[in-house]
PDB file of N, CA and C in Angstrom:
ATOM      1  N   MET A   1      87.288 234.851 142.535  1.00  0.00           N
ATOM      2  CA  MET A   1      87.909 234.307 143.717  1.00  0.00           C
ATOM      3  C   MET A   1      88.344 232.875 143.418  1.00  0.00           C
ATOM      4  N   GLU A   2      89.565 232.542 143.694  1.00  0.00           N
ATOM      5  CA  GLU A   2      90.060 231.189 143.484  1.00  0.00           C
ATOM      6  C   GLU A   2      89.976 230.417 144.790  1.00  0.00           C
ATOM      7  N   THR A   3      89.506 229.191 144.683  1.00  0.00           N
ATOM      8  CA  THR A   3      89.430 228.339 145.865  1.00  0.00           C
ATOM      9  C   THR A   3      90.579 227.357 145.820  1.00  0.00           C
ATOM     10  N   THR A   4      91.228 227.169 146.953  1.00  0.00           N
ATOM     11  CA  THR A   4      92.346 226.235 147.002  1.00  0.00           C
ATOM     12  C   THR A   4      92.022 225.090 147.942  1.00  0.00           C
ATOM     13  N   ILE A   5      92.669 223.982 147.719  1.00  0.00           N
ATOM     14  CA  ILE A   5      92.548 222.840 148.605  1.00  0.00           C
ATOM     15  C   ILE A   5      93.737 222.873 149.544  1.00  0.00           C
ATOM     16  N   GLN A   6      93.461 222.952 150.842  1.00  0.00           N
ATOM     17  CA  GLN A   6      94.483 222.997 151.884  1.00  0.00           C
ATOM     18  C   GLN A   6      95.546 224.060 151.584  1.00  0.00           C
ATOM     19  N   GLY A   7      95.113 225.222 151.060  1.00  0.00           N
ATOM     20  CA  GLY A   7      96.029 226.319 150.806  1.00  0.00           C
ATOM     21  C   GLY A   7      96.995 226.062 149.666  1.00  0.00           C
ATOM     22  N   ARG A   8      96.720 225.076 148.861  1.00  0.00           N
ATOM     23  CA  ARG A   8      97.625 224.729 147.761  1.00  0.00           C
ATOM     24  C   ARG A   8      97.133 225.320 146.454  1.00  0.00           C
ATOM     25  N   LEU A   9      97.431 224.654 145.372  1.00  0.00           N
ATOM     26  CA  LEU A   9      97.095 225.152 144.043  1.00  0.00           C
ATOM     27  C   LEU A   9      95.591 225.324 143.849  1.00  0.00           C
ATOM     28  N   PRO A  10      95.195 226.366 143.113  1.00  0.00           N
ATOM     29  CA  PRO A  10      93.773 226.528 142.805  1.00  0.00           C
ATOM     30  C   PRO A  10      93.274 225.298 142.046  1.00  0.00           C
ATOM     31  N   MET A  11      92.079 224.864 142.343  1.00  0.00           N
ATOM     32  CA  MET A  11      91.519 223.690 141.694  1.00  0.00           C
ATOM     33  C   MET A  11      90.107 223.989 141.235  1.00  0.00           C
ATOM     34  N   LYS A  12      89.789 223.542 140.037  1.00  0.00           N
ATOM     35  CA  LYS A  12      88.438 223.658 139.501  1.00  0.00           C
ATOM     36  C   LYS A  12      87.677 222.374 139.805  1.00  0.00           C
ATOM     37  N   LEU A  13      86.354 222.520 139.862  1.00  0.00           N
ATOM     38  CA  LEU A  13      85.490 221.368 140.049  1.00  0.00           C
ATOM     39  C   LEU A  13      84.902 220.943 138.712  1.00  0.00           C
ATOM     40  N   LEU A  14      84.785 219.639 138.520  1.00  0.00           N
ATOM     41  CA  LEU A  14      84.061 219.080 137.382  1.00  0.00           C
ATOM     42  C   LEU A  14      82.836 218.385 137.952  1.00  0.00           C
ATOM     43  N   LEU A  15      81.654 218.904 137.623  1.00  0.00           N
ATOM     44  CA  LEU A  15      80.414 218.315 138.112  1.00  0.00           C
ATOM     45  C   LEU A  15      79.918 217.283 137.116  1.00  0.00           C
ATOM     46  N   ASP A  16      79.780 216.043 137.567  1.00  0.00           N
ATOM     47  CA  ASP A  16      79.227 214.992 136.732  1.00  0.00           C
ATOM     48  C   ASP A  16      77.794 215.381 136.358  1.00  0.00           C
ATOM     49  N   GLU A  17      77.246 214.730 135.348  1.00  0.00           N
ATOM     50  CA  GLU A  17      75.970 215.159 134.759  1.00  0.00           C
ATOM     51  C   GLU A  17      74.851 215.422 135.761  1.00  0.00           C
ATOM     52  N   MET A  18      74.687 214.553 136.742  1.00  0.00           N
ATOM     53  CA  MET A  18      73.549 214.703 137.654  1.00  0.00           C
ATOM     54  C   MET A  18      73.691 215.894 138.596  1.00  0.00           C
ATOM     55  N   TYR A  19      74.868 216.492 138.665  1.00  0.00           N
ATOM     56  CA  TYR A  19      75.081 217.629 139.564  1.00  0.00           C
ATOM     57  C   TYR A  19      75.255 218.963 138.840  1.00  0.00           C
ATOM     58  N   ALA A  20      74.937 219.017 137.560  1.00  0.00           N
ATOM     59  CA  ALA A  20      75.073 220.263 136.800  1.00  0.00           C
ATOM     60  C   ALA A  20      74.276 221.402 137.440  1.00  0.00           C
ATOM     61  N   GLY A  21      73.140 221.073 138.048  1.00  0.00           N
ATOM     62  CA  GLY A  21      72.295 222.083 138.675  1.00  0.00           C
ATOM     63  C   GLY A  21      72.913 222.743 139.899  1.00  0.00           C
ATOM     64  N   LEU A  22      74.009 222.188 140.399  1.00  0.00           N
ATOM     65  CA  LEU A  22      74.676 222.765 141.570  1.00  0.00           C
ATOM     66  C   LEU A  22      75.750 223.788 141.205  1.00  0.00           C
ATOM     67  N   LYS A  23      75.957 224.002 139.920  1.00  0.00           N
ATOM     68  CA  LYS A  23      77.052 224.880 139.483  1.00  0.00           C
ATOM     69  C   LYS A  23      76.997 226.255 140.150  1.00  0.00           C
ATOM     70  N   GLU A  24      75.850 226.913 140.103  1.00  0.00           N
ATOM     71  CA  GLU A  24      75.747 228.262 140.674  1.00  0.00           C
ATOM     72  C   GLU A  24      76.025 228.273 142.173  1.00  0.00           C
ATOM     73  N   TYR A  25      75.634 227.213 142.862  1.00  0.00           N
ATOM     74  CA  TYR A  25      75.876 227.142 144.305  1.00  0.00           C
ATOM     75  C   TYR A  25      77.373 227.068 144.599  1.00  0.00           C
ATOM     76  N   PHE A  26      78.066 226.202 143.867  1.00  0.00           N
ATOM     77  CA  PHE A  26      79.517 226.102 144.070  1.00  0.00           C
ATOM     78  C   PHE A  26      80.214 227.403 143.683  1.00  0.00           C
ATOM     79  N   GLU A  27      79.748 228.044 142.604  1.00  0.00           N
ATOM     80  CA  GLU A  27      80.341 229.329 142.207  1.00  0.00           C
ATOM     81  C   GLU A  27      80.117 230.377 143.295  1.00  0.00           C
ATOM     82  N   THR A  28      78.939 230.377 143.892  1.00  0.00           N
ATOM     83  CA  THR A  28      78.645 231.312 144.981  1.00  0.00           C
ATOM     84  C   THR A  28      79.586 231.085 146.158  1.00  0.00           C
ATOM     85  N   LEU A  29      79.996 229.828 146.348  1.00  0.00           N
ATOM     86  CA  LEU A  29      80.933 229.485 147.422  1.00  0.00           C
ATOM     87  C   LEU A  29      82.388 229.738 147.031  1.00  0.00           C
ATOM     88  N   GLY A  30      82.606 230.263 145.814  1.00  0.00           N
ATOM     89  CA  GLY A  30      83.947 230.656 145.413  1.00  0.00           C
ATOM     90  C   GLY A  30      84.685 229.687 144.507  1.00  0.00           C
ATOM     91  N   TRP A  31      84.046 228.593 144.129  1.00  0.00           N
ATOM     92  CA  TRP A  31      84.699 227.612 143.264  1.00  0.00           C
ATOM     93  C   TRP A  31      84.566 227.991 141.798  1.00  0.00           C
ATOM     94  N   GLU A  32      85.572 227.645 141.023  1.00  0.00           N
ATOM     95  CA  GLU A  32      85.468 227.703 139.571  1.00  0.00           C
ATOM     96  C   GLU A  32      84.969 226.333 139.141  1.00  0.00           C
ATOM     97  N   VAL A  33      83.889 226.316 138.350  1.00  0.00           N
ATOM     98  CA  VAL A  33      83.176 225.070 138.082  1.00  0.00           C
ATOM     99  C   VAL A  33      82.933 224.877 136.594  1.00  0.00           C
ATOM    100  N   LEU A  34      83.055 223.634 136.168  1.00  0.00           N
ATOM    101  CA  LEU A  34      82.704 223.227 134.813  1.00  0.00           C
ATOM    102  C   LEU A  34      81.805 222.006 134.941  1.00  0.00           C
ATOM    103  N   THR A  35      80.711 221.983 134.182  1.00  0.00           N
ATOM    104  CA  THR A  35      79.846 220.805 134.201  1.00  0.00           C
ATOM    105  C   THR A  35      80.305 219.834 133.117  1.00  0.00           C
ATOM    106  N   ALA A  36      79.921 218.578 133.277  1.00  0.00           N
ATOM    107  CA  ALA A  36      80.251 217.570 132.267  1.00  0.00           C
ATOM    108  C   ALA A  36      79.689 217.994 130.909  1.00  0.00           C
ATOM    109  N   GLN A  37      78.496 218.567 130.906  1.00  0.00           N
ATOM    110  CA  GLN A  37      77.887 219.013 129.661  1.00  0.00           C
ATOM    111  C   GLN A  37      78.730 220.104 128.998  1.00  0.00           C
ATOM    112  N   GLU A  38      79.182 221.067 129.782  1.00  0.00           N
ATOM    113  CA  GLU A  38      79.999 222.160 129.239  1.00  0.00           C
ATOM    114  C   GLU A  38      81.326 221.649 128.703  1.00  0.00           C
ATOM    115  N   ALA A  39      81.817 220.562 129.281  1.00  0.00           N
ATOM    116  CA  ALA A  39      83.091 219.978 128.849  1.00  0.00           C
ATOM    117  C   ALA A  39      82.910 219.047 127.653  1.00  0.00           C
ATOM    118  N   GLY A  40      81.681 218.936 127.157  1.00  0.00           N
ATOM    119  CA  GLY A  40      81.418 218.045 126.025  1.00  0.00           C
ATOM    120  C   GLY A  40      81.370 216.581 126.422  1.00  0.00           C
ATOM    121  N   LEU A  41      81.066 216.313 127.691  1.00  0.00           N
ATOM    122  CA  LEU A  41      81.082 214.942 128.207  1.00  0.00           C
ATOM    123  C   LEU A  41      79.684 214.385 128.460  1.00  0.00           C
ATOM    124  N   GLN A  42      78.658 215.035 127.923  1.00  0.00           N
ATOM    125  CA  GLN A  42      77.301 214.534 128.132  1.00  0.00           C
ATOM    126  C   GLN A  42      77.177 213.149 127.508  1.00  0.00           C
ATOM    127  N   GLY A  43      76.769 212.171 128.300  1.00  0.00           N
ATOM    128  CA  GLY A  43      76.629 210.801 127.816  1.00  0.00           C
ATOM    129  C   GLY A  43      77.944 210.066 127.637  1.00  0.00           C
ATOM    130  N   ALA A  44      79.051 210.671 128.079  1.00  0.00           N
ATOM    131  CA  ALA A  44      80.377 210.059 127.906  1.00  0.00           C
ATOM    132  C   ALA A  44      80.550 208.866 128.840  1.00  0.00           C
ATOM    133  N   LYS A  45      81.483 208.007 128.498  1.00  0.00           N
ATOM    134  CA  LYS A  45      81.820 206.877 129.362  1.00  0.00           C
ATOM    135  C   LYS A  45      82.446 207.414 130.645  1.00  0.00           C
ATOM    136  N   ASP A  46      82.249 206.670 131.724  1.00  0.00           N
ATOM    137  CA  ASP A  46      82.784 207.079 133.023  1.00  0.00           C
ATOM    138  C   ASP A  46      84.292 207.286 132.979  1.00  0.00           C
ATOM    139  N   LYS A  47      84.988 206.435 132.245  1.00  0.00           N
ATOM    140  CA  LYS A  47      86.449 206.553 132.116  1.00  0.00           C
ATOM    141  C   LYS A  47      86.824 207.881 131.472  1.00  0.00           C
ATOM    142  N   ASP A  48      86.045 208.305 130.475  1.00  0.00           N
ATOM    143  CA  ASP A  48      86.330 209.574 129.801  1.00  0.00           C
ATOM    144  C   ASP A  48      86.143 210.760 130.748  1.00  0.00           C
ATOM    145  N   VAL A  49      85.148 210.674 131.618  1.00  0.00           N
ATOM    146  CA  VAL A  49      84.915 211.745 132.595  1.00  0.00           C
ATOM    147  C   VAL A  49      86.095 211.822 133.567  1.00  0.00           C
ATOM    148  N   ALA A  50      86.519 210.666 134.081  1.00  0.00           N
ATOM    149  CA  ALA A  50      87.660 210.631 135.008  1.00  0.00           C
ATOM    150  C   ALA A  50      88.935 211.102 134.311  1.00  0.00           C
ATOM    151  N   ASP A  51      89.131 210.678 133.061  1.00  0.00           N
ATOM    152  CA  ASP A  51      90.315 211.101 132.301  1.00  0.00           C
ATOM    153  C   ASP A  51      90.326 212.614 132.092  1.00  0.00           C
ATOM    154  N   TYR A  52      89.160 213.191 131.806  1.00  0.00           N
ATOM    155  CA  TYR A  52      89.070 214.635 131.604  1.00  0.00           C
ATOM    156  C   TYR A  52      89.454 215.368 132.888  1.00  0.00           C
ATOM    157  N   ALA A  53      88.932 214.891 134.007  1.00  0.00           N
ATOM    158  CA  ALA A  53      89.271 215.519 135.294  1.00  0.00           C
ATOM    159  C   ALA A  53      90.774 215.444 135.540  1.00  0.00           C
ATOM    160  N   ARG A  54      91.374 214.302 135.268  1.00  0.00           N
ATOM    161  CA  ARG A  54      92.818 214.143 135.482  1.00  0.00           C
ATOM    162  C   ARG A  54      93.609 215.052 134.543  1.00  0.00           C
ATOM    163  N   SER A  55      93.263 215.049 133.269  1.00  0.00           N
ATOM    164  CA  SER A  55      93.993 215.844 132.272  1.00  0.00           C
ATOM    165  C   SER A  55      93.919 217.339 132.546  1.00  0.00           C
ATOM    166  N   ASN A  56      92.842 217.765 133.188  1.00  0.00           N
ATOM    167  CA  ASN A  56      92.631 219.191 133.432  1.00  0.00           C
ATOM    168  C   ASN A  56      92.799 219.584 134.902  1.00  0.00           C
ATOM    169  N   ASN A  57      93.386 218.678 135.698  1.00  0.00           N
ATOM    170  CA  ASN A  57      93.631 218.926 137.123  1.00  0.00           C
ATOM    171  C   ASN A  57      92.379 219.443 137.835  1.00  0.00           C
ATOM    172  N   MET A  58      91.291 218.685 137.680  1.00  0.00           N
ATOM    173  CA  MET A  58      90.020 219.061 138.283  1.00  0.00           C
ATOM    174  C   MET A  58      89.608 218.033 139.328  1.00  0.00           C
ATOM    175  N   LEU A  59      88.807 218.478 140.286  1.00  0.00           N
ATOM    176  CA  LEU A  59      88.227 217.591 141.283  1.00  0.00           C
ATOM    177  C   LEU A  59      86.838 217.198 140.799  1.00  0.00           C
ATOM    178  N   LEU A  60      86.587 215.908 140.683  1.00  0.00           N
ATOM    179  CA  LEU A  60      85.324 215.383 140.171  1.00  0.00           C
ATOM    180  C   LEU A  60      84.312 215.231 141.302  1.00  0.00           C
ATOM    181  N   ILE A  61      83.118 215.780 141.091  1.00  0.00           N
ATOM    182  CA  ILE A  61      82.001 215.597 142.015  1.00  0.00           C
ATOM    183  C   ILE A  61      81.006 214.677 141.316  1.00  0.00           C
ATOM    184  N   THR A  62      80.729 213.516 141.909  1.00  0.00           N
ATOM    185  CA  THR A  62      79.851 212.539 141.270  1.00  0.00           C
ATOM    186  C   THR A  62      78.987 211.814 142.283  1.00  0.00           C
ATOM    187  N   GLN A  63      77.906 211.228 141.796  1.00  0.00           N
ATOM    188  CA  GLN A  63      77.049 210.385 142.619  1.00  0.00           C
ATOM    189  C   GLN A  63      77.229 208.925 142.208  1.00  0.00           C
ATOM    190  N   ASP A  64      77.914 208.690 141.119  1.00  0.00           N
ATOM    191  CA  ASP A  64      78.081 207.338 140.593  1.00  0.00           C
ATOM    192  C   ASP A  64      79.346 206.681 141.126  1.00  0.00           C
ATOM    193  N   GLN A  65      79.205 205.450 141.545  1.00  0.00           N
ATOM    194  CA  GLN A  65      80.317 204.686 142.101  1.00  0.00           C
ATOM    195  C   GLN A  65      81.428 204.460 141.074  1.00  0.00           C
ATOM    196  N   LYS A  66      81.052 204.118 139.836  1.00  0.00           N
ATOM    197  CA  LYS A  66      82.061 203.747 138.842  1.00  0.00           C
ATOM    198  C   LYS A  66      83.044 204.877 138.526  1.00  0.00           C
ATOM    199  N   PRO A  67      82.584 206.096 138.201  1.00  0.00           N
ATOM    200  CA  PRO A  67      83.575 207.146 137.947  1.00  0.00           C
ATOM    201  C   PRO A  67      84.423 207.453 139.181  1.00  0.00           C
ATOM    202  N   ALA A  68      83.832 207.309 140.371  1.00  0.00           N
ATOM    203  CA  ALA A  68      84.604 207.520 141.603  1.00  0.00           C
ATOM    204  C   ALA A  68      85.702 206.472 141.722  1.00  0.00           C
ATOM    205  N   GLU A  69      85.367 205.219 141.425  1.00  0.00           N
ATOM    206  CA  GLU A  69      86.368 204.151 141.487  1.00  0.00           C
ATOM    207  C   GLU A  69      87.457 204.348 140.437  1.00  0.00           C
ATOM    208  N   LEU A  70      87.066 204.757 139.229  1.00  0.00           N
ATOM    209  CA  LEU A  70      88.055 205.018 138.177  1.00  0.00           C
ATOM    210  C   LEU A  70      88.944 206.195 138.563  1.00  0.00           C
ATOM    211  N   ALA A  71      88.353 207.210 139.179  1.00  0.00           N
ATOM    212  CA  ALA A  71      89.138 208.350 139.659  1.00  0.00           C
ATOM    213  C   ALA A  71      90.146 207.883 140.699  1.00  0.00           C
ATOM    214  N   GLU A  72      89.706 207.043 141.620  1.00  0.00           N
ATOM    215  CA  GLU A  72      90.591 206.506 142.660  1.00  0.00           C
ATOM    216  C   GLU A  72      91.760 205.747 142.039  1.00  0.00           C
ATOM    217  N   LEU A  73      91.465 204.908 141.055  1.00  0.00           N
ATOM    218  CA  LEU A  73      92.505 204.092 140.414  1.00  0.00           C
ATOM    219  C   LEU A  73      93.524 204.921 139.643  1.00  0.00           C
ATOM    220  N   THR A  74      93.088 206.071 139.135  1.00  0.00           N
ATOM    221  CA  THR A  74      93.973 206.878 138.286  1.00  0.00           C
ATOM    222  C   THR A  74      94.511 208.122 138.988  1.00  0.00           C
ATOM    223  N   GLY A  75      94.245 208.242 140.285  1.00  0.00           N
ATOM    224  CA  GLY A  75      94.805 209.357 141.042  1.00  0.00           C
ATOM    225  C   GLY A  75      94.079 210.674 140.883  1.00  0.00           C
ATOM    226  N   VAL A  76      92.836 210.625 140.409  1.00  0.00           N
ATOM    227  CA  VAL A  76      92.041 211.842 140.254  1.00  0.00           C
ATOM    228  C   VAL A  76      91.399 212.190 141.596  1.00  0.00           C
ATOM    229  N   LYS A  77      91.434 213.455 141.956  1.00  0.00           N
ATOM    230  CA  LYS A  77      90.738 213.899 143.164  1.00  0.00           C
ATOM    231  C   LYS A  77      89.233 213.849 142.877  1.00  0.00           C
ATOM    232  N   TYR A  78      88.466 213.359 143.846  1.00  0.00           N
ATOM    233  CA  TYR A  78      87.029 213.234 143.636  1.00  0.00           C
ATOM    234  C   TYR A  78      86.300 213.259 144.968  1.00  0.00           C
ATOM    235  N   VAL A  79      85.002 213.550 144.887  1.00  0.00           N
ATOM    236  CA  VAL A  79      84.102 213.408 146.025  1.00  0.00           C
ATOM    237  C   VAL A  79      82.895 212.631 145.518  1.00  0.00           C
ATOM    238  N   LEU A  80      82.635 211.494 146.162  1.00  0.00           N
ATOM    239  CA  LEU A  80      81.467 210.676 145.854  1.00  0.00           C
ATOM    240  C   LEU A  80      80.364 211.075 146.823  1.00  0.00           C
ATOM    241  N   ILE A  81      79.283 211.611 146.278  1.00  0.00           N
ATOM    242  CA  ILE A  81      78.169 212.038 147.110  1.00  0.00           C
ATOM    243  C   ILE A  81      77.114 210.937 147.064  1.00  0.00           C
ATOM    244  N   SER A  82      77.066 210.160 148.134  1.00  0.00           N
ATOM    245  CA  SER A  82      76.149 209.024 148.194  1.00  0.00           C
ATOM    246  C   SER A  82      74.796 209.447 148.760  1.00  0.00           C
ATOM    247  N   ASN A  83      73.794 208.608 148.544  1.00  0.00           N
ATOM    248  CA  ASN A  83      72.483 208.866 149.130  1.00  0.00           C
ATOM    249  C   ASN A  83      72.569 208.876 150.652  1.00  0.00           C
ATOM    250  N   ALA A  84      73.418 208.021 151.218  1.00  0.00           N
ATOM    251  CA  ALA A  84      73.600 207.994 152.670  1.00  0.00           C
ATOM    252  C   ALA A  84      74.143 209.332 153.172  1.00  0.00           C
ATOM    253  N   MET A  85      75.068 209.934 152.419  1.00  0.00           N
ATOM    254  CA  MET A  85      75.627 211.233 152.798  1.00  0.00           C
ATOM    255  C   MET A  85      74.533 212.304 152.786  1.00  0.00           C
ATOM    256  N   ILE A  86      73.706 212.279 151.758  1.00  0.00           N
ATOM    257  CA  ILE A  86      72.622 213.255 151.645  1.00  0.00           C
ATOM    258  C   ILE A  86      71.628 213.080 152.796  1.00  0.00           C
ATOM    259  N   ALA A  87      71.271 211.829 153.101  1.00  0.00           N
ATOM    260  CA  ALA A  87      70.336 211.562 154.193  1.00  0.00           C
ATOM    261  C   ALA A  87      70.907 212.032 155.531  1.00  0.00           C
ATOM    262  N   LYS A  88      72.184 211.813 155.760  1.00  0.00           N
ATOM    263  CA  LYS A  88      72.835 212.226 157.007  1.00  0.00           C
ATOM    264  C   LYS A  88      72.818 213.751 157.143  1.00  0.00           C
ATOM    265  N   ILE A  89      73.132 214.446 156.059  1.00  0.00           N
ATOM    266  CA  ILE A  89      73.109 215.914 156.078  1.00  0.00           C
ATOM    267  C   ILE A  89      71.694 216.406 156.374  1.00  0.00           C
ATOM    268  N   ALA A  90      70.692 215.822 155.707  1.00  0.00           N
ATOM    269  CA  ALA A  90      69.303 216.225 155.933  1.00  0.00           C
ATOM    270  C   ALA A  90      68.891 215.961 157.381  1.00  0.00           C
ATOM    271  N   ASP A  91      69.275 214.800 157.908  1.00  0.00           N
ATOM    272  CA  ASP A  91      68.961 214.459 159.297  1.00  0.00           C
ATOM    273  C   ASP A  91      69.583 215.474 160.256  1.00  0.00           C
ATOM    274  N   ASP A  92      70.843 215.810 160.033  1.00  0.00           N
ATOM    275  CA  ASP A  92      71.519 216.802 160.879  1.00  0.00           C
ATOM    276  C   ASP A  92      70.805 218.152 160.826  1.00  0.00           C
ATOM    277  N   LYS A  93      70.391 218.566 159.632  1.00  0.00           N
ATOM    278  CA  LYS A  93      69.719 219.859 159.475  1.00  0.00           C
ATOM    279  C   LYS A  93      68.351 219.862 160.147  1.00  0.00           C
ATOM    280  N   ILE A  94      67.630 218.737 160.052  1.00  0.00           N
ATOM    281  CA  ILE A  94      66.328 218.638 160.720  1.00  0.00           C
ATOM    282  C   ILE A  94      66.509 218.798 162.223  1.00  0.00           C
ATOM    283  N   ARG A  95      67.484 218.095 162.779  1.00  0.00           N
ATOM    284  CA  ARG A  95      67.740 218.164 164.227  1.00  0.00           C
ATOM    285  C   ARG A  95      68.168 219.575 164.651  1.00  0.00           C
ATOM    286  N   GLU A  96      68.969 220.224 163.810  1.00  0.00           N
ATOM    287  CA  GLU A  96      69.449 221.574 164.120  1.00  0.00           C
ATOM    288  C   GLU A  96      68.307 222.588 164.064  1.00  0.00           C
ATOM    289  N   LYS A  97      67.480 222.496 163.023  1.00  0.00           N
ATOM    290  CA  LYS A  97      66.426 223.481 162.811  1.00  0.00           C
ATOM    291  C   LYS A  97      65.217 223.246 163.721  1.00  0.00           C
ATOM    292  N   TYR A  98      64.930 221.988 164.012  1.00  0.00           N
ATOM    293  CA  TYR A  98      63.756 221.635 164.816  1.00  0.00           C
ATOM    294  C   TYR A  98      64.155 220.685 165.944  1.00  0.00           C
ATOM    295  N   PRO A  99      64.886 221.178 166.940  1.00  0.00           N
ATOM    296  CA  PRO A  99      65.395 220.301 167.998  1.00  0.00           C
ATOM    297  C   PRO A  99      64.302 219.624 168.824  1.00  0.00           C
ATOM    298  N   SER A 100      63.088 220.174 168.833  1.00  0.00           N
ATOM    299  CA  SER A 100      62.020 219.572 169.639  1.00  0.00           C
ATOM    300  C   SER A 100      61.332 218.399 168.930  1.00  0.00           C
ATOM    301  N   ILE A 101      61.611 218.217 167.654  1.00  0.00           N
ATOM    302  CA  ILE A 101      60.999 217.108 166.915  1.00  0.00           C
ATOM    303  C   ILE A 101      61.743 215.822 167.237  1.00  0.00           C
ATOM    304  N   LYS A 102      60.952 214.798 167.574  1.00  0.00           N
ATOM    305  CA  LYS A 102      61.521 213.481 167.846  1.00  0.00           C
ATOM    306  C   LYS A 102      61.316 212.583 166.638  1.00  0.00           C
ATOM    307  N   LYS A 103      62.282 211.730 166.387  1.00  0.00           N
ATOM    308  CA  LYS A 103      62.079 210.697 165.375  1.00  0.00           C
ATOM    309  C   LYS A 103      61.038 209.758 165.940  1.00  0.00           C
ATOM    310  N   GLY A 104      60.125 209.352 165.109  1.00  0.00           N
ATOM    311  CA  GLY A 104      59.078 208.513 165.655  1.00  0.00           C
ATOM    312  C   GLY A 104      58.479 207.572 164.641  1.00  0.00           C
ATOM    313  N   GLY A 105      57.480 206.903 165.107  1.00  0.00           N
ATOM    314  CA  GLY A 105      56.790 205.921 164.288  1.00  0.00           C
ATOM    315  C   GLY A 105      55.851 206.578 163.292  1.00  0.00           C
ATOM    316  N   HIS A 106      55.123 205.739 162.636  1.00  0.00           N
ATOM    317  CA  HIS A 106      54.195 206.191 161.595  1.00  0.00           C
ATOM    318  C   HIS A 106      52.835 206.497 162.210  1.00  0.00           C
ATOM    319  N   ARG A 107      52.130 207.422 161.631  1.00  0.00           N
ATOM    320  CA  ARG A 107      50.780 207.774 162.114  1.00  0.00           C
ATOM    321  C   ARG A 107      49.773 207.473 161.049  1.00  0.00           C
TER     322      ARG A 107
END
């Protein structure tokens, strides 16, 4: 199954090193995925990772600010997954799953 962005051209994902463990999840969601390790980019400079994504028309998924900024400067599609984003998602899921739980002080 090919996944498209806004109904346009099929796009593959490039998972930066720290997100290699998410490959199967993205594949289950229908994405074609390559990890930085599979692309021979383990330990590579951030610029090389962004360049690889650009050269191969891939969307970069990263947690690091620098490759995200380099992607922005060079026109590479990317998603920066920040700790704040993860915390917000977790907070939303807690509220959804356990609506009776109140945020509270320490015990």
